[in-house]
């Protein structure tokens, strides 16, 4: 039994618990645009060819590139696919379908133990720093994650460290009010002084998690690098192991541009995970595979809608199932 059949068996089980069922429905709905586009093209491909050929691989290559899996990733993927077809002497298109799903899963996992969970501190507050360019949904993501963590019973504090962008502080305050969450903010202050106050408050008042917003300027990498370095030092002085996570937020609808952003931020700070917003708003959901394969940074959360409940922990198996369930 291939991977997809196994996933199908698990996810269509009538005894699946309610929480898992809701997660699946969320993936199903959130990946609808990508699935419709992607699977309809794959179905046409299956109808067009009655045997495996060079032309079949060329067309498949194009479909994957159009789904934003990324040229580099697709080239490697097609090479692996051809090698498996030759080695296992596969002639049936039906058998090839299973291998396509298998290999896409392997691309993401890459023989590693994928950690999509937050690296919580063993004791004291867990500090999570958020980076990313303006307009990707960083502040909204922080609000949604704070809501999610509060639902799990955690005591959460927000820090409005993006003191440069007009409206960023107000936006985070709005979220704090909406979800009834504490916040540290100062208008037009030095970001590091806001963060210093927030880290001290989080430590003294026994918060479980501190979520920190930062400015999203990439135009001058040197300034941004210095700023992030300063923030990391300020945090580390109060809580030595912190920040425990530095998550980059990228907008799935920007496609390959999002990958450039991950690469640029990786040059200036230690990125531990990606939050991919607006995945439900694009037909190019293949970006998930491209990010991991080209930057080696795992996707930890995905945004699958507008509501505060629509930020989900990323799960590669649910993603693969949601992508291929109609193929």
C-alpha atoms as a PDB file:
ATOM      1  CA  UNK A   1       0.000   0.000   0.000  1.00  0.00           C
ATOM      2  CA  UNK A   2       1.376   3.394  -1.042  1.00  0.00           C
ATOM      3  CA  UNK A   3       1.547   6.479   1.134  1.00  0.00           C
ATOM      4  CA  UNK A   4      -1.576   8.077  -0.319  1.00  0.00           C
ATOM      5  CA  UNK A   5      -3.667   4.938   0.254  1.00  0.00           C
ATOM      6  CA  UNK A   6      -2.437   4.840   3.848  1.00  0.00           C
ATOM      7  CA  UNK A   7      -3.367   8.496   4.375  1.00  0.00           C
ATOM      8  CA  UNK A   8      -6.756   7.881   2.789  1.00  0.00           C
ATOM      9  CA  UNK A   9      -7.353   4.985   5.153  1.00  0.00           C
ATOM     10  CA  UNK A  10      -6.436   7.064   8.197  1.00  0.00           C
ATOM     11  CA  UNK A  11      -8.281  10.228   7.225  1.00  0.00           C
ATOM     12  CA  UNK A  12     -11.497   8.597   6.001  1.00  0.00           C
ATOM     13  CA  UNK A  13     -11.805   6.450   9.116  1.00  0.00           C
ATOM     14  CA  UNK A  14     -15.252   7.014  10.656  1.00  0.00           C
ATOM     15  CA  UNK A  15     -13.793   6.771  14.153  1.00  0.00           C
ATOM     16  CA  UNK A  16     -11.481   9.760  13.644  1.00  0.00           C
ATOM     17  CA  UNK A  17     -11.800  12.153  16.618  1.00  0.00           C
ATOM     18  CA  UNK A  18     -13.617  15.491  16.334  1.00  0.00           C
ATOM     19  CA  UNK A  19     -10.524  17.708  16.608  1.00  0.00           C
ATOM     20  CA  UNK A  20      -8.732  15.755  13.870  1.00  0.00           C
ATOM     21  CA  UNK A  21     -11.872  15.915  11.735  1.00  0.00           C
ATOM     22  CA  UNK A  22     -11.993  19.717  12.039  1.00  0.00           C
ATOM     23  CA  UNK A  23      -8.298  19.968  11.145  1.00  0.00           C
ATOM     24  CA  UNK A  24      -8.869  17.866   8.026  1.00  0.00           C
ATOM     25  CA  UNK A  25     -11.872  19.946   6.980  1.00  0.00           C
ATOM     26  CA  UNK A  26      -9.757  23.067   7.403  1.00  0.00           C
ATOM     27  CA  UNK A  27      -6.997  21.641   5.160  1.00  0.00           C
ATOM     28  CA  UNK A  28      -9.588  20.415   2.681  1.00  0.00           C
ATOM     29  CA  UNK A  29     -11.220  23.858   2.392  1.00  0.00           C
ATOM     30  CA  UNK A  30      -7.957  25.806   2.576  1.00  0.00           C
ATOM     31  CA  UNK A  31      -6.304  23.828  -0.236  1.00  0.00           C
ATOM     32  CA  UNK A  32      -9.360  23.880  -2.498  1.00  0.00           C
ATOM     33  CA  UNK A  33      -7.991  26.476  -4.959  1.00  0.00           C
ATOM     34  CA  UNK A  34      -4.679  24.666  -5.375  1.00  0.00           C
ATOM     35  CA  UNK A  35      -6.317  21.254  -5.549  1.00  0.00           C
ATOM     36  CA  UNK A  36      -8.830  22.250  -8.243  1.00  0.00           C
ATOM     37  CA  UNK A  37      -6.123  23.758 -10.441  1.00  0.00           C
ATOM     38  CA  UNK A  38      -3.493  21.112  -9.735  1.00  0.00           C
ATOM     39  CA  UNK A  39      -5.612  17.943  -9.830  1.00  0.00           C
ATOM     40  CA  UNK A  40      -7.591  18.983 -12.925  1.00  0.00           C
ATOM     41  CA  UNK A  41      -4.267  19.344 -14.775  1.00  0.00           C
ATOM     42  CA  UNK A  42      -3.007  16.001 -13.431  1.00  0.00           C
ATOM     43  CA  UNK A  43      -6.253  14.329 -14.519  1.00  0.00           C
ATOM     44  CA  UNK A  44      -5.866  15.772 -18.019  1.00  0.00           C
ATOM     45  CA  UNK A  45      -2.311  14.471 -18.053  1.00  0.00           C
ATOM     46  CA  UNK A  46      -3.518  10.957 -17.200  1.00  0.00           C
ATOM     47  CA  UNK A  47      -6.129  11.167 -19.971  1.00  0.00           C
ATOM     48  CA  UNK A  48      -3.615  12.500 -22.505  1.00  0.00           C
ATOM     49  CA  UNK A  49      -1.061   9.702 -22.076  1.00  0.00           C
ATOM     50  CA  UNK A  50      -1.569   5.951 -21.948  1.00  0.00           C
ATOM     51  CA  UNK A  51       2.044   5.202 -21.108  1.00  0.00           C
ATOM     52  CA  UNK A  52       5.010   6.747 -19.316  1.00  0.00           C
ATOM     53  CA  UNK A  53       7.138   8.782 -21.716  1.00  0.00           C
ATOM     54  CA  UNK A  54       9.551  11.703 -21.864  1.00  0.00           C
ATOM     55  CA  UNK A  55       6.630  13.928 -22.973  1.00  0.00           C
ATOM     56  CA  UNK A  56       4.641  12.857 -19.895  1.00  0.00           C
ATOM     57  CA  UNK A  57       7.509  13.974 -17.626  1.00  0.00           C
ATOM     58  CA  UNK A  58       7.818  17.290 -19.483  1.00  0.00           C
ATOM     59  CA  UNK A  59       4.113  18.015 -18.990  1.00  0.00           C
ATOM     60  CA  UNK A  60       4.269  16.955 -15.341  1.00  0.00           C
ATOM     61  CA  UNK A  61       7.251  19.260 -14.850  1.00  0.00           C
ATOM     62  CA  UNK A  62       5.237  22.187 -16.204  1.00  0.00           C
ATOM     63  CA  UNK A  63       2.223  21.421 -13.950  1.00  0.00           C
ATOM     64  CA  UNK A  64       4.434  21.341 -10.847  1.00  0.00           C
ATOM     65  CA  UNK A  65       6.187  24.588 -11.789  1.00  0.00           C
ATOM     66  CA  UNK A  66       2.784  26.235 -12.335  1.00  0.00           C
ATOM     67  CA  UNK A  67       1.759  25.088  -8.819  1.00  0.00           C
ATOM     68  CA  UNK A  68       4.807  27.023  -7.504  1.00  0.00           C
ATOM     69  CA  UNK A  69       6.782  24.002  -6.426  1.00  0.00           C
ATOM     70  CA  UNK A  70       9.792  25.903  -7.844  1.00  0.00           C
ATOM     71  CA  UNK A  71      11.998  25.148 -10.864  1.00  0.00           C
ATOM     72  CA  UNK A  72      14.973  23.847  -8.872  1.00  0.00           C
ATOM     73  CA  UNK A  73      12.816  21.559  -6.723  1.00  0.00           C
ATOM     74  CA  UNK A  74      10.863  20.292  -9.743  1.00  0.00           C
ATOM     75  CA  UNK A  75      14.041  19.414 -11.688  1.00  0.00           C
ATOM     76  CA  UNK A  76      15.359  17.343  -8.763  1.00  0.00           C
ATOM     77  CA  UNK A  77      11.943  15.761  -8.288  1.00  0.00           C
ATOM     78  CA  UNK A  78      11.596  14.722 -11.972  1.00  0.00           C
ATOM     79  CA  UNK A  79      15.118  13.231 -11.927  1.00  0.00           C
ATOM     80  CA  UNK A  80      14.255  11.150  -8.828  1.00  0.00           C
ATOM     81  CA  UNK A  81      10.992  10.076 -10.417  1.00  0.00           C
ATOM     82  CA  UNK A  82      12.700   8.917 -13.621  1.00  0.00           C
ATOM     83  CA  UNK A  83      15.328   7.042 -11.610  1.00  0.00           C
ATOM     84  CA  UNK A  84      12.627   5.207  -9.607  1.00  0.00           C
ATOM     85  CA  UNK A  85      10.631   4.357 -12.736  1.00  0.00           C
ATOM     86  CA  UNK A  86      13.757   2.861 -14.303  1.00  0.00           C
ATOM     87  CA  UNK A  87      14.954   1.066 -11.162  1.00  0.00           C
ATOM     88  CA  UNK A  88      11.533  -0.410 -10.265  1.00  0.00           C
ATOM     89  CA  UNK A  89      10.626  -1.003 -13.912  1.00  0.00           C
ATOM     90  CA  UNK A  90       7.316   0.884 -13.606  1.00  0.00           C
ATOM     91  CA  UNK A  91       5.181   0.985 -16.733  1.00  0.00           C
ATOM     92  CA  UNK A  92       1.712   1.716 -15.333  1.00  0.00           C
ATOM     93  CA  UNK A  93       0.539   5.330 -14.986  1.00  0.00           C
ATOM     94  CA  UNK A  94      -1.581   4.265 -12.000  1.00  0.00           C
ATOM     95  CA  UNK A  95       1.508   2.978 -10.173  1.00  0.00           C
ATOM     96  CA  UNK A  96       3.346   6.180 -11.114  1.00  0.00           C
ATOM     97  CA  UNK A  97       0.638   8.260  -9.408  1.00  0.00           C
ATOM     98  CA  UNK A  98       1.495   6.603  -6.076  1.00  0.00           C
ATOM     99  CA  UNK A  99       5.195   7.269  -6.632  1.00  0.00           C
ATOM    100  CA  UNK A 100       4.533  10.952  -7.438  1.00  0.00           C
ATOM    101  CA  UNK A 101       2.738  11.366  -4.095  1.00  0.00           C
ATOM    102  CA  UNK A 102       5.474   9.393  -2.289  1.00  0.00           C
ATOM    103  CA  UNK A 103       8.304  11.429  -3.779  1.00  0.00           C
ATOM    104  CA  UNK A 104       6.641  14.790  -3.041  1.00  0.00           C
ATOM    105  CA  UNK A 105       6.356  13.688   0.590  1.00  0.00           C
ATOM    106  CA  UNK A 106      10.021  12.572   0.580  1.00  0.00           C
ATOM    107  CA  UNK A 107      11.094  15.964  -0.861  1.00  0.00           C
ATOM    108  CA  UNK A 108       9.580  17.716   2.152  1.00  0.00           C
ATOM    109  CA  UNK A 109      10.722  15.259   4.803  1.00  0.00           C
ATOM    110  CA  UNK A 110      14.190  14.686   3.290  1.00  0.00           C
ATOM    111  CA  UNK A 111      15.100  11.892   5.768  1.00  0.00           C
ATOM    112  CA  UNK A 112      14.838  14.318   8.685  1.00  0.00           C
ATOM    113  CA  UNK A 113      12.665  14.358  11.761  1.00  0.00           C
ATOM    114  CA  UNK A 114      10.447  17.308  10.891  1.00  0.00           C
ATOM    115  CA  UNK A 115       9.639  19.387  13.934  1.00  0.00           C
ATOM    116  CA  UNK A 116       6.536  21.468  13.323  1.00  0.00           C
ATOM    117  CA  UNK A 117       5.923  22.032  17.026  1.00  0.00           C
ATOM    118  CA  UNK A 118       6.983  25.149  18.917  1.00  0.00           C
ATOM    119  CA  UNK A 119      10.220  24.702  20.868  1.00  0.00           C
ATOM    120  CA  UNK A 120       8.811  25.553  24.313  1.00  0.00           C
ATOM    121  CA  UNK A 121      11.216  26.532  27.109  1.00  0.00           C
ATOM    122  CA  UNK A 122      11.677  23.906  29.811  1.00  0.00           C
ATOM    123  CA  UNK A 123      11.082  26.609  32.426  1.00  0.00           C
ATOM    124  CA  UNK A 124      10.100  30.262  32.357  1.00  0.00           C
ATOM    125  CA  UNK A 125       8.531  32.081  29.399  1.00  0.00           C
ATOM    126  CA  UNK A 126       8.961  30.858  25.818  1.00  0.00           C
ATOM    127  CA  UNK A 127       9.990  33.801  23.647  1.00  0.00           C
ATOM    128  CA  UNK A 128       8.985  33.816  19.984  1.00  0.00           C
ATOM    129  CA  UNK A 129      10.259  36.499  17.640  1.00  0.00           C
ATOM    130  CA  UNK A 130       8.356  37.222  14.419  1.00  0.00           C
ATOM    131  CA  UNK A 131      10.106  38.610  11.341  1.00  0.00           C
ATOM    132  CA  UNK A 132       9.012  39.256   7.769  1.00  0.00           C
ATOM    133  CA  UNK A 133       8.452  42.078   5.298  1.00  0.00           C
ATOM    134  CA  UNK A 134       5.505  44.472   5.626  1.00  0.00           C
ATOM    135  CA  UNK A 135       2.132  43.367   4.322  1.00  0.00           C
ATOM    136  CA  UNK A 136       2.527  39.597   4.768  1.00  0.00           C
ATOM    137  CA  UNK A 137       0.130  39.378   7.716  1.00  0.00           C
ATOM    138  CA  UNK A 138       2.699  39.316  10.527  1.00  0.00           C
ATOM    139  CA  UNK A 139       0.634  41.202  13.130  1.00  0.00           C
ATOM    140  CA  UNK A 140      -2.507  39.201  12.281  1.00  0.00           C
ATOM    141  CA  UNK A 141      -0.520  35.957  12.581  1.00  0.00           C
ATOM    142  CA  UNK A 142       0.700  36.968  16.052  1.00  0.00           C
ATOM    143  CA  UNK A 143      -2.894  37.701  17.081  1.00  0.00           C
ATOM    144  CA  UNK A 144      -4.113  34.350  15.740  1.00  0.00           C
ATOM    145  CA  UNK A 145      -1.281  32.402  17.366  1.00  0.00           C
ATOM    146  CA  UNK A 146      -1.870  34.186  20.686  1.00  0.00           C
ATOM    147  CA  UNK A 147      -5.546  33.198  20.442  1.00  0.00           C
ATOM    148  CA  UNK A 148      -4.592  29.574  19.676  1.00  0.00           C
ATOM    149  CA  UNK A 149      -2.194  29.428  22.623  1.00  0.00           C
ATOM    150  CA  UNK A 150      -4.744  30.993  24.986  1.00  0.00           C
ATOM    151  CA  UNK A 151      -7.255  28.342  23.911  1.00  0.00           C
ATOM    152  CA  UNK A 152      -4.645  25.775  24.992  1.00  0.00           C
ATOM    153  CA  UNK A 153      -4.602  27.366  28.465  1.00  0.00           C
ATOM    154  CA  UNK A 154      -1.371  29.322  28.148  1.00  0.00           C
ATOM    155  CA  UNK A 155      -0.758  32.753  29.694  1.00  0.00           C
ATOM    156  CA  UNK A 156       0.337  34.880  26.710  1.00  0.00           C
ATOM    157  CA  UNK A 157       1.958  38.314  26.468  1.00  0.00           C
ATOM    158  CA  UNK A 158       2.369  40.350  23.253  1.00  0.00           C
ATOM    159  CA  UNK A 159       5.126  42.881  22.534  1.00  0.00           C
ATOM    160  CA  UNK A 160       4.621  45.579  19.888  1.00  0.00           C
ATOM    161  CA  UNK A 161       8.214  45.736  18.661  1.00  0.00           C
ATOM    162  CA  UNK A 162       7.346  47.177  15.227  1.00  0.00           C
ATOM    163  CA  UNK A 163       7.449  50.797  16.384  1.00  0.00           C
ATOM    164  CA  UNK A 164       8.300  52.210  12.947  1.00  0.00           C
ATOM    165  CA  UNK A 165       5.255  51.337  10.869  1.00  0.00           C
ATOM    166  CA  UNK A 166       2.292  53.609  11.340  1.00  0.00           C
ATOM    167  CA  UNK A 167      -0.565  51.517  12.608  1.00  0.00           C
ATOM    168  CA  UNK A 168       1.439  48.407  13.555  1.00  0.00           C
ATOM    169  CA  UNK A 169       1.234  49.122  17.298  1.00  0.00           C
ATOM    170  CA  UNK A 170      -2.490  50.009  17.091  1.00  0.00           C
ATOM    171  CA  UNK A 171      -3.164  46.856  15.085  1.00  0.00           C
ATOM    172  CA  UNK A 172      -1.525  44.649  17.706  1.00  0.00           C
ATOM    173  CA  UNK A 173      -3.371  46.484  20.524  1.00  0.00           C
ATOM    174  CA  UNK A 174      -6.617  45.819  18.634  1.00  0.00           C
ATOM    175  CA  UNK A 175      -5.788  42.106  18.490  1.00  0.00           C
ATOM    176  CA  UNK A 176      -4.870  42.094  22.199  1.00  0.00           C
ATOM    177  CA  UNK A 177      -8.282  43.609  23.029  1.00  0.00           C
ATOM    178  CA  UNK A 178     -10.103  41.227  20.680  1.00  0.00           C
ATOM    179  CA  UNK A 179      -8.631  38.093  22.245  1.00  0.00           C
ATOM    180  CA  UNK A 180      -8.272  39.518  25.784  1.00  0.00           C
ATOM    181  CA  UNK A 181      -4.482  39.284  25.857  1.00  0.00           C
ATOM    182  CA  UNK A 182      -1.902  41.426  27.698  1.00  0.00           C
ATOM    183  CA  UNK A 183       0.403  43.632  25.637  1.00  0.00           C
ATOM    184  CA  UNK A 184       3.487  45.816  26.118  1.00  0.00           C
ATOM    185  CA  UNK A 185       3.589  48.784  23.741  1.00  0.00           C
ATOM    186  CA  UNK A 186       5.121  52.255  23.447  1.00  0.00           C
ATOM    187  CA  UNK A 187       4.497  54.649  20.568  1.00  0.00           C
ATOM    188  CA  UNK A 188       7.579  55.838  18.629  1.00  0.00           C
ATOM    189  CA  UNK A 189       9.961  54.138  21.080  1.00  0.00           C
ATOM    190  CA  UNK A 190      13.124  52.201  20.369  1.00  0.00           C
ATOM    191  CA  UNK A 191      12.002  48.611  19.605  1.00  0.00           C
ATOM    192  CA  UNK A 192      14.602  47.148  21.954  1.00  0.00           C
ATOM    193  CA  UNK A 193      13.294  49.158  24.919  1.00  0.00           C
ATOM    194  CA  UNK A 194       9.769  47.795  24.279  1.00  0.00           C
ATOM    195  CA  UNK A 195      11.190  44.291  24.087  1.00  0.00           C
ATOM    196  CA  UNK A 196      13.266  44.777  27.257  1.00  0.00           C
ATOM    197  CA  UNK A 197      10.135  45.792  29.197  1.00  0.00           C
ATOM    198  CA  UNK A 198       8.153  42.883  27.710  1.00  0.00           C
ATOM    199  CA  UNK A 199      10.777  40.215  28.493  1.00  0.00           C
ATOM    200  CA  UNK A 200      11.089  41.449  32.086  1.00  0.00           C
ATOM    201  CA  UNK A 201       7.315  41.506  32.524  1.00  0.00           C
ATOM    202  CA  UNK A 202       7.006  37.998  31.024  1.00  0.00           C
ATOM    203  CA  UNK A 203       9.640  36.668  33.424  1.00  0.00           C
ATOM    204  CA  UNK A 204       8.441  38.435  36.590  1.00  0.00           C
ATOM    205  CA  UNK A 205       4.748  37.746  36.047  1.00  0.00           C
ATOM    206  CA  UNK A 206       5.164  34.100  35.007  1.00  0.00           C
ATOM    207  CA  UNK A 207       3.840  34.254  31.451  1.00  0.00           C
ATOM    208  CA  UNK A 208       4.072  31.028  29.479  1.00  0.00           C
ATOM    209  CA  UNK A 209       4.705  32.688  26.110  1.00  0.00           C
ATOM    210  CA  UNK A 210       5.893  36.063  24.845  1.00  0.00           C
ATOM    211  CA  UNK A 211       5.167  36.831  21.168  1.00  0.00           C
ATOM    212  CA  UNK A 212       7.220  39.716  19.727  1.00  0.00           C
ATOM    213  CA  UNK A 213       6.360  41.705  16.606  1.00  0.00           C
ATOM    214  CA  UNK A 214       9.291  43.308  14.734  1.00  0.00           C
ATOM    215  CA  UNK A 215       9.668  45.828  11.902  1.00  0.00           C
ATOM    216  CA  UNK A 216       9.510  44.416   8.371  1.00  0.00           C
ATOM    217  CA  UNK A 217      12.087  46.413   6.507  1.00  0.00           C
ATOM    218  CA  UNK A 218      14.426  44.547   4.173  1.00  0.00           C
ATOM    219  CA  UNK A 219      15.676  47.493   2.105  1.00  0.00           C
ATOM    220  CA  UNK A 220      18.718  47.951   4.296  1.00  0.00           C
ATOM    221  CA  UNK A 221      19.898  44.564   5.474  1.00  0.00           C
ATOM    222  CA  UNK A 222      22.723  45.981   7.607  1.00  0.00           C
ATOM    223  CA  UNK A 223      20.334  48.108   9.697  1.00  0.00           C
ATOM    224  CA  UNK A 224      17.892  45.227  10.061  1.00  0.00           C
ATOM    225  CA  UNK A 225      20.674  42.844  11.025  1.00  0.00           C
ATOM    226  CA  UNK A 226      21.927  45.273  13.680  1.00  0.00           C
ATOM    227  CA  UNK A 227      18.412  45.792  14.981  1.00  0.00           C
ATOM    228  CA  UNK A 228      17.689  42.047  15.233  1.00  0.00           C
ATOM    229  CA  UNK A 229      21.088  41.465  16.839  1.00  0.00           C
ATOM    230  CA  UNK A 230      20.305  44.131  19.428  1.00  0.00           C
ATOM    231  CA  UNK A 231      16.877  42.565  20.116  1.00  0.00           C
ATOM    232  CA  UNK A 232      18.407  39.098  20.507  1.00  0.00           C
ATOM    233  CA  UNK A 233      20.971  40.476  22.987  1.00  0.00           C
ATOM    234  CA  UNK A 234      18.304  42.286  25.011  1.00  0.00           C
ATOM    235  CA  UNK A 235      16.174  39.119  25.162  1.00  0.00           C
ATOM    236  CA  UNK A 236      19.169  36.865  25.919  1.00  0.00           C
ATOM    237  CA  UNK A 237      20.315  39.012  28.870  1.00  0.00           C
ATOM    238  CA  UNK A 238      17.025  38.470  30.690  1.00  0.00           C
ATOM    239  CA  UNK A 239      16.271  34.911  29.469  1.00  0.00           C
ATOM    240  CA  UNK A 240      19.580  33.267  28.425  1.00  0.00           C
ATOM    241  CA  UNK A 241      18.227  30.614  26.024  1.00  0.00           C
ATOM    242  CA  UNK A 242      15.809  33.007  24.311  1.00  0.00           C
ATOM    243  CA  UNK A 243      14.457  33.668  21.740  1.00  0.00           C
ATOM    244  CA  UNK A 244      13.388  30.034  21.530  1.00  0.00           C
ATOM    245  CA  UNK A 245      11.938  30.508  18.046  1.00  0.00           C
ATOM    246  CA  UNK A 246      12.341  33.052  15.269  1.00  0.00           C
ATOM    247  CA  UNK A 247       9.483  32.585  12.845  1.00  0.00           C
ATOM    248  CA  UNK A 248       9.353  34.254   9.447  1.00  0.00           C
ATOM    249  CA  UNK A 249       5.895  35.101   8.145  1.00  0.00           C
ATOM    250  CA  UNK A 250       5.437  34.959   4.369  1.00  0.00           C
ATOM    251  CA  UNK A 251       2.427  35.439   2.129  1.00  0.00           C
ATOM    252  CA  UNK A 252       1.708  32.305   0.055  1.00  0.00           C
ATOM    253  CA  UNK A 253       0.162  34.412  -2.728  1.00  0.00           C
ATOM    254  CA  UNK A 254       3.548  36.047  -3.462  1.00  0.00           C
ATOM    255  CA  UNK A 255       4.911  32.687  -4.666  1.00  0.00           C
ATOM    256  CA  UNK A 256       8.629  32.427  -5.299  1.00  0.00           C
ATOM    257  CA  UNK A 257       9.146  35.924  -3.886  1.00  0.00           C
ATOM    258  CA  UNK A 258       8.338  34.409  -0.494  1.00  0.00           C
ATOM    259  CA  UNK A 259      11.277  32.031  -0.867  1.00  0.00           C
ATOM    260  CA  UNK A 260      13.615  34.972  -1.577  1.00  0.00           C
ATOM    261  CA  UNK A 261      12.382  36.568   1.652  1.00  0.00           C
ATOM    262  CA  UNK A 262      13.195  33.423   3.662  1.00  0.00           C
ATOM    263  CA  UNK A 263      16.681  33.314   2.105  1.00  0.00           C
ATOM    264  CA  UNK A 264      17.282  37.030   2.816  1.00  0.00           C
ATOM    265  CA  UNK A 265      16.224  36.788   6.466  1.00  0.00           C
ATOM    266  CA  UNK A 266      18.251  33.588   6.911  1.00  0.00           C
ATOM    267  CA  UNK A 267      21.345  35.619   6.008  1.00  0.00           C
ATOM    268  CA  UNK A 268      20.733  38.028   8.878  1.00  0.00           C
ATOM    269  CA  UNK A 269      19.229  35.941  11.673  1.00  0.00           C
ATOM    270  CA  UNK A 270      18.580  32.361  12.758  1.00  0.00           C
ATOM    271  CA  UNK A 271      15.174  31.401  11.299  1.00  0.00           C
ATOM    272  CA  UNK A 272      13.626  28.333  12.971  1.00  0.00           C
ATOM    273  CA  UNK A 273      10.348  28.105  11.076  1.00  0.00           C
ATOM    274  CA  UNK A 274       7.990  29.567   8.490  1.00  0.00           C
ATOM    275  CA  UNK A 275       4.412  30.748   8.921  1.00  0.00           C
ATOM    276  CA  UNK A 276       2.716  30.681   5.531  1.00  0.00           C
ATOM    277  CA  UNK A 277      -0.294  33.002   5.415  1.00  0.00           C
ATOM    278  CA  UNK A 278      -3.148  33.145   2.871  1.00  0.00           C
ATOM    279  CA  UNK A 279      -2.585  29.607   1.606  1.00  0.00           C
ATOM    280  CA  UNK A 280      -6.336  29.404   0.996  1.00  0.00           C
ATOM    281  CA  UNK A 281      -6.121  32.433  -1.330  1.00  0.00           C
ATOM    282  CA  UNK A 282      -3.746  30.921  -3.880  1.00  0.00           C
ATOM    283  CA  UNK A 283      -3.896  28.169  -6.489  1.00  0.00           C
ATOM    284  CA  UNK A 284      -0.141  27.740  -6.045  1.00  0.00           C
ATOM    285  CA  UNK A 285       0.011  25.790  -2.803  1.00  0.00           C
ATOM    286  CA  UNK A 286       3.096  23.907  -4.013  1.00  0.00           C
ATOM    287  CA  UNK A 287       5.084  26.744  -2.432  1.00  0.00           C
ATOM    288  CA  UNK A 288       5.091  24.679   0.813  1.00  0.00           C
ATOM    289  CA  UNK A 289       7.339  22.043  -0.802  1.00  0.00           C
ATOM    290  CA  UNK A 290       9.581  24.618  -2.472  1.00  0.00           C
ATOM    291  CA  UNK A 291      10.235  26.515   0.787  1.00  0.00           C
ATOM    292  CA  UNK A 292      11.416  23.442   2.666  1.00  0.00           C
ATOM    293  CA  UNK A 293      13.454  22.036  -0.216  1.00  0.00           C
ATOM    294  CA  UNK A 294      15.250  25.280  -1.139  1.00  0.00           C
ATOM    295  CA  UNK A 295      15.750  26.858   2.312  1.00  0.00           C
ATOM    296  CA  UNK A 296      15.625  23.796   4.631  1.00  0.00           C
ATOM    297  CA  UNK A 297      13.372  25.747   7.003  1.00  0.00           C
ATOM    298  CA  UNK A 298      10.243  23.825   8.040  1.00  0.00           C
ATOM    299  CA  UNK A 299       6.765  25.314   7.693  1.00  0.00           C
ATOM    300  CA  UNK A 300       5.361  25.422  11.244  1.00  0.00           C
ATOM    301  CA  UNK A 301       2.002  27.122  10.707  1.00  0.00           C
ATOM    302  CA  UNK A 302      -0.280  27.851   7.774  1.00  0.00           C
ATOM    303  CA  UNK A 303      -3.065  30.394   7.420  1.00  0.00           C
ATOM    304  CA  UNK A 304      -6.163  28.784   5.899  1.00  0.00           C
ATOM    305  CA  UNK A 305      -8.702  31.597   6.247  1.00  0.00           C
ATOM    306  CA  UNK A 306      -9.612  34.971   7.731  1.00  0.00           C
ATOM    307  CA  UNK A 307     -10.992  33.899  11.120  1.00  0.00           C
ATOM    308  CA  UNK A 308      -8.909  33.872  14.294  1.00  0.00           C
ATOM    309  CA  UNK A 309      -9.237  30.060  14.405  1.00  0.00           C
ATOM    310  CA  UNK A 310      -7.792  29.648  10.897  1.00  0.00           C
ATOM    311  CA  UNK A 311      -4.103  29.436  11.801  1.00  0.00           C
ATOM    312  CA  UNK A 312      -3.164  25.750  11.787  1.00  0.00           C
ATOM    313  CA  UNK A 313      -0.093  23.777  12.837  1.00  0.00           C
ATOM    314  CA  UNK A 314       1.370  22.544   9.554  1.00  0.00           C
ATOM    315  CA  UNK A 315       1.052  18.803   8.968  1.00  0.00           C
ATOM    316  CA  UNK A 316       2.707  17.395   5.833  1.00  0.00           C
ATOM    317  CA  UNK A 317       0.412  14.331   5.749  1.00  0.00           C
ATOM    318  CA  UNK A 318      -2.790  16.399   5.911  1.00  0.00           C
ATOM    319  CA  UNK A 319      -1.319  18.737   3.310  1.00  0.00           C
ATOM    320  CA  UNK A 320      -0.508  15.878   0.895  1.00  0.00           C
ATOM    321  CA  UNK A 321      -3.939  14.355   1.457  1.00  0.00           C
ATOM    322  CA  UNK A 322      -5.691  17.717   0.959  1.00  0.00           C
ATOM    323  CA  UNK A 323      -3.732  18.258  -2.231  1.00  0.00           C
ATOM    324  CA  UNK A 324      -4.349  14.882  -3.871  1.00  0.00           C
ATOM    325  CA  UNK A 325      -7.665  13.645  -2.434  1.00  0.00           C
ATOM    326  CA  UNK A 326      -9.496  14.134  -5.757  1.00  0.00           C
ATOM    327  CA  UNK A 327      -6.809  12.613  -8.001  1.00  0.00           C
END
